[in-house]
Amino acid sequence: MQKPPASKRHLPTSPFKAPVAPDPKHFAVGDQVTHDMYGLGRVVGMEDGIAALVDFGSTQMRVPSPYAKMTKL
C-alpha cells in the first residue's frame, strides 16, 4: 500500500496565496440530500459531527463525516 502524498506547506515568503480549506458540510434532520452511490435521501438522524443517518427509501445508511459524496439539495 502506498501512503497518500503529503500536502505541501505554504511558505510565508511565497508570492502565491495560501490554499483555503473548504468549509465543513453541515446537515440537519429533515434535509433532503443526494449521495453519489445511493441517490436521493432524507436525513433522519445526526451524530454530532461524526455521521448522518440517511433514509434512501429502500435502505437507511450511516454516512460518516466528512460527507465527501453527499450534497444538500
PDB file of N, CA and C in Angstrom:
ATOM      1  N   MET A   1       0.837  -1.179   0.000  1.00  0.00           N
ATOM      2  CA  MET A   1       0.000   0.000   0.000  1.00  0.00           C
ATOM      3  C   MET A   1       0.880   1.240   0.000  1.00  0.00           C
ATOM      4  N   GLN A   2       0.448   2.214  -0.755  1.00  0.00           N
ATOM      5  CA  GLN A   2       1.179   3.460  -0.799  1.00  0.00           C
ATOM      6  C   GLN A   2       0.525   4.471   0.125  1.00  0.00           C
ATOM      7  N   LYS A   3       1.355   5.322   0.716  1.00  0.00           N
ATOM      8  CA  LYS A   3       0.825   6.400   1.531  1.00  0.00           C
ATOM      9  C   LYS A   3       0.385   7.527   0.619  1.00  0.00           C
ATOM     10  N   PRO A   4      -0.691   8.242   0.973  1.00  0.00           N
ATOM     11  CA  PRO A   4      -1.090   9.388   0.150  1.00  0.00           C
ATOM     12  C   PRO A   4      -0.018  10.470   0.234  1.00  0.00           C
ATOM     13  N   PRO A   5       0.134  11.230  -0.843  1.00  0.00           N
ATOM     14  CA  PRO A   5       1.166  12.260  -0.813  1.00  0.00           C
ATOM     15  C   PRO A   5       0.866  13.306   0.263  1.00  0.00           C
ATOM     16  N   ALA A   6       1.919  13.756   0.920  1.00  0.00           N
ATOM     17  CA  ALA A   6       1.763  14.769   1.964  1.00  0.00           C
ATOM     18  C   ALA A   6       1.413  16.101   1.325  1.00  0.00           C
ATOM     19  N   SER A   7       0.543  16.857   1.974  1.00  0.00           N
ATOM     20  CA  SER A   7       0.195  18.161   1.428  1.00  0.00           C
ATOM     21  C   SER A   7       1.375  19.101   1.624  1.00  0.00           C
ATOM     22  N   LYS A   8       1.573  19.956   0.654  1.00  0.00           N
ATOM     23  CA  LYS A   8       2.693  20.883   0.717  1.00  0.00           C
ATOM     24  C   LYS A   8       2.341  22.031   1.648  1.00  0.00           C
ATOM     25  N   ARG A   9       3.297  22.434   2.434  1.00  0.00           N
ATOM     26  CA  ARG A   9       3.053  23.545   3.341  1.00  0.00           C
ATOM     27  C   ARG A   9       3.260  24.855   2.600  1.00  0.00           C
ATOM     28  N   HIS A  10       2.574  25.869   3.043  1.00  0.00           N
ATOM     29  CA  HIS A  10       2.662  27.184   2.426  1.00  0.00           C
ATOM     30  C   HIS A  10       3.737  27.987   3.135  1.00  0.00           C
ATOM     31  N   LEU A  11       4.693  28.470   2.377  1.00  0.00           N
ATOM     32  CA  LEU A  11       5.764  29.273   2.959  1.00  0.00           C
ATOM     33  C   LEU A  11       5.315  30.714   3.106  1.00  0.00           C
ATOM     34  N   PRO A  12       5.626  31.360   4.215  1.00  0.00           N
ATOM     35  CA  PRO A  12       5.194  32.749   4.422  1.00  0.00           C
ATOM     36  C   PRO A  12       5.783  33.716   3.398  1.00  0.00           C
ATOM     37  N   THR A  13       6.909  33.373   2.795  1.00  0.00           N
ATOM     38  CA  THR A  13       7.539  34.257   1.812  1.00  0.00           C
ATOM     39  C   THR A  13       7.052  34.003   0.387  1.00  0.00           C
ATOM     40  N   SER A  14       6.134  33.065   0.215  1.00  0.00           N
ATOM     41  CA  SER A  14       5.643  32.728  -1.113  1.00  0.00           C
ATOM     42  C   SER A  14       4.800  33.860  -1.693  1.00  0.00           C
ATOM     43  N   PRO A  15       4.962  34.144  -3.007  1.00  0.00           N
ATOM     44  CA  PRO A  15       4.146  35.184  -3.630  1.00  0.00           C
ATOM     45  C   PRO A  15       2.714  34.716  -3.922  1.00  0.00           C
ATOM     46  N   PHE A  16       2.444  33.438  -3.744  1.00  0.00           N
ATOM     47  CA  PHE A  16       1.126  32.885  -4.021  1.00  0.00           C
ATOM     48  C   PHE A  16       0.281  32.861  -2.754  1.00  0.00           C
ATOM     49  N   LYS A  17      -1.025  32.935  -2.940  1.00  0.00           N
ATOM     50  CA  LYS A  17      -1.930  32.905  -1.792  1.00  0.00           C
ATOM     51  C   LYS A  17      -1.959  31.508  -1.184  1.00  0.00           C
ATOM     52  N   ALA A  18      -2.182  31.462   0.110  1.00  0.00           N
ATOM     53  CA  ALA A  18      -2.298  30.184   0.808  1.00  0.00           C
ATOM     54  C   ALA A  18      -3.598  29.510   0.400  1.00  0.00           C
ATOM     55  N   PRO A  19      -3.601  28.172   0.253  1.00  0.00           N
ATOM     56  CA  PRO A  19      -4.836  27.482  -0.106  1.00  0.00           C
ATOM     57  C   PRO A  19      -5.871  27.618   1.001  1.00  0.00           C
ATOM     58  N   VAL A  20      -7.121  27.754   0.595  1.00  0.00           N
ATOM     59  CA  VAL A  20      -8.213  27.918   1.547  1.00  0.00           C
ATOM     60  C   VAL A  20      -8.859  26.558   1.777  1.00  0.00           C
ATOM     61  N   ALA A  21      -8.995  26.187   3.041  1.00  0.00           N
ATOM     62  CA  ALA A  21      -9.643  24.921   3.374  1.00  0.00           C
ATOM     63  C   ALA A  21     -11.146  25.060   3.152  1.00  0.00           C
ATOM     64  N   PRO A  22     -11.791  24.049   2.524  1.00  0.00           N
ATOM     65  CA  PRO A  22     -13.239  24.137   2.309  1.00  0.00           C
ATOM     66  C   PRO A  22     -13.999  24.077   3.630  1.00  0.00           C
ATOM     67  N   ASP A  23     -15.138  24.759   3.673  1.00  0.00           N
ATOM     68  CA  ASP A  23     -15.976  24.740   4.866  1.00  0.00           C
ATOM     69  C   ASP A  23     -16.548  23.338   5.066  1.00  0.00           C
ATOM     70  N   PRO A  24     -16.596  22.869   6.307  1.00  0.00           N
ATOM     71  CA  PRO A  24     -17.192  21.552   6.538  1.00  0.00           C
ATOM     72  C   PRO A  24     -18.691  21.592   6.252  1.00  0.00           C
ATOM     73  N   LYS A  25     -19.200  20.481   5.737  1.00  0.00           N
ATOM     74  CA  LYS A  25     -20.625  20.413   5.409  1.00  0.00           C
ATOM     75  C   LYS A  25     -21.430  20.165   6.675  1.00  0.00           C
ATOM     76  N   HIS A  26     -22.547  20.866   6.793  1.00  0.00           N
ATOM     77  CA  HIS A  26     -23.430  20.700   7.936  1.00  0.00           C
ATOM     78  C   HIS A  26     -24.803  20.261   7.437  1.00  0.00           C
ATOM     79  N   PHE A  27     -25.329  19.234   8.043  1.00  0.00           N
ATOM     80  CA  PHE A  27     -26.660  18.735   7.704  1.00  0.00           C
ATOM     81  C   PHE A  27     -27.524  18.747   8.948  1.00  0.00           C
ATOM     82  N   ALA A  28     -28.835  18.842   8.750  1.00  0.00           N
ATOM     83  CA  ALA A  28     -29.785  18.816   9.851  1.00  0.00           C
ATOM     84  C   ALA A  28     -30.847  17.766   9.549  1.00  0.00           C
ATOM     85  N   VAL A  29     -31.512  17.294  10.598  1.00  0.00           N
ATOM     86  CA  VAL A  29     -32.585  16.314  10.426  1.00  0.00           C
ATOM     87  C   VAL A  29     -33.662  16.932   9.545  1.00  0.00           C
ATOM     88  N   GLY A  30     -34.066  16.202   8.520  1.00  0.00           N
ATOM     89  CA  GLY A  30     -35.092  16.674   7.593  1.00  0.00           C
ATOM     90  C   GLY A  30     -34.527  17.206   6.287  1.00  0.00           C
ATOM     91  N   ASP A  31     -33.229  17.427   6.194  1.00  0.00           N
ATOM     92  CA  ASP A  31     -32.620  17.914   4.956  1.00  0.00           C
ATOM     93  C   ASP A  31     -32.708  16.851   3.872  1.00  0.00           C
ATOM     94  N   GLN A  32     -33.023  17.290   2.657  1.00  0.00           N
ATOM     95  CA  GLN A  32     -33.017  16.389   1.516  1.00  0.00           C
ATOM     96  C   GLN A  32     -31.625  16.424   0.913  1.00  0.00           C
ATOM     97  N   VAL A  33     -31.042  15.243   0.666  1.00  0.00           N
ATOM     98  CA  VAL A  33     -29.668  15.136   0.190  1.00  0.00           C
ATOM     99  C   VAL A  33     -29.589  14.188  -1.001  1.00  0.00           C
ATOM    100  N   THR A  34     -28.467  14.270  -1.692  1.00  0.00           N
ATOM    101  CA  THR A  34     -28.168  13.297  -2.732  1.00  0.00           C
ATOM    102  C   THR A  34     -26.782  12.732  -2.459  1.00  0.00           C
ATOM    103  N   HIS A  35     -26.641  11.434  -2.690  1.00  0.00           N
ATOM    104  CA  HIS A  35     -25.380  10.741  -2.446  1.00  0.00           C
ATOM    105  C   HIS A  35     -24.927  10.136  -3.771  1.00  0.00           C
ATOM    106  N   ASP A  36     -23.626  10.138  -4.025  1.00  0.00           N
ATOM    107  CA  ASP A  36     -23.097   9.642  -5.289  1.00  0.00           C
ATOM    108  C   ASP A  36     -23.413   8.168  -5.536  1.00  0.00           C
ATOM    109  N   MET A  37     -23.476   7.362  -4.478  1.00  0.00           N
ATOM    110  CA  MET A  37     -23.751   5.927  -4.655  1.00  0.00           C
ATOM    111  C   MET A  37     -25.221   5.574  -4.431  1.00  0.00           C
ATOM    112  N   TYR A  38     -25.869   6.203  -3.442  1.00  0.00           N
ATOM    113  CA  TYR A  38     -27.198   5.770  -3.024  1.00  0.00           C
ATOM    114  C   TYR A  38     -28.334   6.601  -3.602  1.00  0.00           C
ATOM    115  N   GLY A  39     -28.063   7.763  -4.146  1.00  0.00           N
ATOM    116  CA  GLY A  39     -29.097   8.593  -4.757  1.00  0.00           C
ATOM    117  C   GLY A  39     -29.738   9.564  -3.784  1.00  0.00           C
ATOM    118  N   LEU A  40     -31.043   9.823  -4.001  1.00  0.00           N
ATOM    119  CA  LEU A  40     -31.776  10.789  -3.187  1.00  0.00           C
ATOM    120  C   LEU A  40     -32.143  10.203  -1.833  1.00  0.00           C
ATOM    121  N   GLY A  41     -32.101  11.054  -0.813  1.00  0.00           N
ATOM    122  CA  GLY A  41     -32.449  10.608   0.524  1.00  0.00           C
ATOM    123  C   GLY A  41     -32.793  11.775   1.416  1.00  0.00           C
ATOM    124  N   ARG A  42     -33.191  11.451   2.652  1.00  0.00           N
ATOM    125  CA  ARG A  42     -33.538  12.466   3.645  1.00  0.00           C
ATOM    126  C   ARG A  42     -32.836  12.114   4.942  1.00  0.00           C
ATOM    127  N   VAL A  43     -32.228  13.125   5.571  1.00  0.00           N
ATOM    128  CA  VAL A  43     -31.519  12.926   6.831  1.00  0.00           C
ATOM    129  C   VAL A  43     -32.547  12.673   7.931  1.00  0.00           C
ATOM    130  N   VAL A  44     -32.396  11.542   8.628  1.00  0.00           N
ATOM    131  CA  VAL A  44     -33.329  11.195   9.702  1.00  0.00           C
ATOM    132  C   VAL A  44     -32.663  11.219  11.075  1.00  0.00           C
ATOM    133  N   GLY A  45     -31.338  11.351  11.110  1.00  0.00           N
ATOM    134  CA  GLY A  45     -30.633  11.407  12.385  1.00  0.00           C
ATOM    135  C   GLY A  45     -29.229  11.942  12.198  1.00  0.00           C
ATOM    136  N   MET A  46     -28.697  12.553  13.260  1.00  0.00           N
ATOM    137  CA  MET A  46     -27.341  13.095  13.215  1.00  0.00           C
ATOM    138  C   MET A  46     -26.576  12.648  14.457  1.00  0.00           C
ATOM    139  N   GLU A  47     -25.308  12.341  14.275  1.00  0.00           N
ATOM    140  CA  GLU A  47     -24.377  12.109  15.379  1.00  0.00           C
ATOM    141  C   GLU A  47     -23.394  13.267  15.293  1.00  0.00           C
ATOM    142  N   ASP A  48     -23.402  14.151  16.258  1.00  0.00           N
ATOM    143  CA  ASP A  48     -22.671  15.421  16.259  1.00  0.00           C
ATOM    144  C   ASP A  48     -21.313  15.364  15.568  1.00  0.00           C
ATOM    145  N   GLY A  49     -21.272  15.754  14.293  1.00  0.00           N
ATOM    146  CA  GLY A  49     -20.031  15.834  13.535  1.00  0.00           C
ATOM    147  C   GLY A  49     -19.381  14.506  13.210  1.00  0.00           C
ATOM    148  N   ILE A  50     -20.034  13.388  13.567  1.00  0.00           N
ATOM    149  CA  ILE A  50     -19.438  12.073  13.342  1.00  0.00           C
ATOM    150  C   ILE A  50     -20.057  11.396  12.118  1.00  0.00           C
ATOM    151  N   ALA A  51     -21.383  11.384  12.047  1.00  0.00           N
ATOM    152  CA  ALA A  51     -22.064  10.701  10.959  1.00  0.00           C
ATOM    153  C   ALA A  51     -23.501  11.195  10.853  1.00  0.00           C
ATOM    154  N   ALA A  52     -24.107  10.889   9.704  1.00  0.00           N
ATOM    155  CA  ALA A  52     -25.509  11.214   9.474  1.00  0.00           C
ATOM    156  C   ALA A  52     -26.239   9.928   9.109  1.00  0.00           C
ATOM    157  N   LEU A  53     -27.433   9.739   9.651  1.00  0.00           N
ATOM    158  CA  LEU A  53     -28.270   8.600   9.292  1.00  0.00           C
ATOM    159  C   LEU A  53     -29.242   9.085   8.235  1.00  0.00           C
ATOM    160  N   VAL A  54     -29.166   8.478   7.038  1.00  0.00           N
ATOM    161  CA  VAL A  54     -29.940   8.949   5.896  1.00  0.00           C
ATOM    162  C   VAL A  54     -30.851   7.836   5.395  1.00  0.00           C
ATOM    163  N   ASP A  55     -32.123   8.178   5.165  1.00  0.00           N
ATOM    164  CA  ASP A  55     -33.110   7.247   4.620  1.00  0.00           C
ATOM    165  C   ASP A  55     -33.148   7.430   3.112  1.00  0.00           C
ATOM    166  N   PHE A  56     -32.745   6.397   2.366  1.00  0.00           N
ATOM    167  CA  PHE A  56     -32.730   6.446   0.908  1.00  0.00           C
ATOM    168  C   PHE A  56     -33.929   5.720   0.302  1.00  0.00           C
ATOM    169  N   GLY A  57     -34.981   5.546   1.057  1.00  0.00           N
ATOM    170  CA  GLY A  57     -36.186   4.894   0.564  1.00  0.00           C
ATOM    171  C   GLY A  57     -36.146   3.408   0.814  1.00  0.00           C
ATOM    172  N   SER A  58     -35.299   2.698   0.114  1.00  0.00           N
ATOM    173  CA  SER A  58     -35.221   1.251   0.263  1.00  0.00           C
ATOM    174  C   SER A  58     -34.302   0.830   1.408  1.00  0.00           C
ATOM    175  N   THR A  59     -33.433   1.726   1.838  1.00  0.00           N
ATOM    176  CA  THR A  59     -32.491   1.408   2.901  1.00  0.00           C
ATOM    177  C   THR A  59     -32.101   2.662   3.689  1.00  0.00           C
ATOM    178  N   GLN A  60     -31.654   2.459   4.913  1.00  0.00           N
ATOM    179  CA  GLN A  60     -31.109   3.555   5.720  1.00  0.00           C
ATOM    180  C   GLN A  60     -29.615   3.315   5.857  1.00  0.00           C
ATOM    181  N   MET A  61     -28.835   4.343   5.619  1.00  0.00           N
ATOM    182  CA  MET A  61     -27.388   4.226   5.683  1.00  0.00           C
ATOM    183  C   MET A  61     -26.820   5.238   6.660  1.00  0.00           C
ATOM    184  N   ARG A  62     -25.743   4.863   7.333  1.00  0.00           N
ATOM    185  CA  ARG A  62     -24.999   5.768   8.207  1.00  0.00           C
ATOM    186  C   ARG A  62     -23.831   6.282   7.374  1.00  0.00           C
ATOM    187  N   VAL A  63     -23.846   7.569   7.062  1.00  0.00           N
ATOM    188  CA  VAL A  63     -22.813   8.184   6.230  1.00  0.00           C
ATOM    189  C   VAL A  63     -21.856   8.929   7.150  1.00  0.00           C
ATOM    190  N   PRO A  64     -20.587   8.474   7.235  1.00  0.00           N
ATOM    191  CA  PRO A  64     -19.632   9.126   8.137  1.00  0.00           C
ATOM    192  C   PRO A  64     -19.150  10.481   7.610  1.00  0.00           C
ATOM    193  N   SER A  65     -18.744  11.343   8.535  1.00  0.00           N
ATOM    194  CA  SER A  65     -18.184  12.633   8.189  1.00  0.00           C
ATOM    195  C   SER A  65     -16.848  12.406   7.510  1.00  0.00           C
ATOM    196  N   PRO A  66     -16.417  13.127   6.532  1.00  0.00           N
ATOM    197  CA  PRO A  66     -16.727  14.489   6.120  1.00  0.00           C
ATOM    198  C   PRO A  66     -17.740  14.592   4.980  1.00  0.00           C
ATOM    199  N   TYR A  67     -18.536  13.588   4.746  1.00  0.00           N
ATOM    200  CA  TYR A  67     -19.634  13.615   3.778  1.00  0.00           C
ATOM    201  C   TYR A  67     -19.147  13.999   2.382  1.00  0.00           C
ATOM    202  N   ALA A  68     -18.050  13.423   1.930  1.00  0.00           N
ATOM    203  CA  ALA A  68     -17.451  13.785   0.641  1.00  0.00           C
ATOM    204  C   ALA A  68     -18.381  13.480  -0.535  1.00  0.00           C
ATOM    205  N   LYS A  69     -19.158  12.428  -0.454  1.00  0.00           N
ATOM    206  CA  LYS A  69     -20.009  12.036  -1.582  1.00  0.00           C
ATOM    207  C   LYS A  69     -21.453  12.478  -1.426  1.00  0.00           C
ATOM    208  N   MET A  70     -21.754  13.307  -0.415  1.00  0.00           N
ATOM    209  CA  MET A  70     -23.128  13.703  -0.147  1.00  0.00           C
ATOM    210  C   MET A  70     -23.254  15.225  -0.223  1.00  0.00           C
ATOM    211  N   THR A  71     -24.321  15.688  -0.904  1.00  0.00           N
ATOM    212  CA  THR A  71     -24.573  17.113  -1.005  1.00  0.00           C
ATOM    213  C   THR A  71     -26.015  17.408  -0.642  1.00  0.00           C
ATOM    214  N   LYS A  72     -26.235  18.601  -0.122  1.00  0.00           N
ATOM    215  CA  LYS A  72     -27.559  19.051   0.300  1.00  0.00           C
ATOM    216  C   LYS A  72     -28.291  19.614  -0.914  1.00  0.00           C
ATOM    217  N   LEU A  73     -29.560  19.307  -1.018  1.00  0.00           N
ATOM    218  CA  LEU A  73     -30.372  19.845  -2.129  1.00  0.00           C
ATOM    219  C   LEU A  73     -31.139  21.054  -1.696  1.00  0.00           C
TER     220      LEU A  73
END
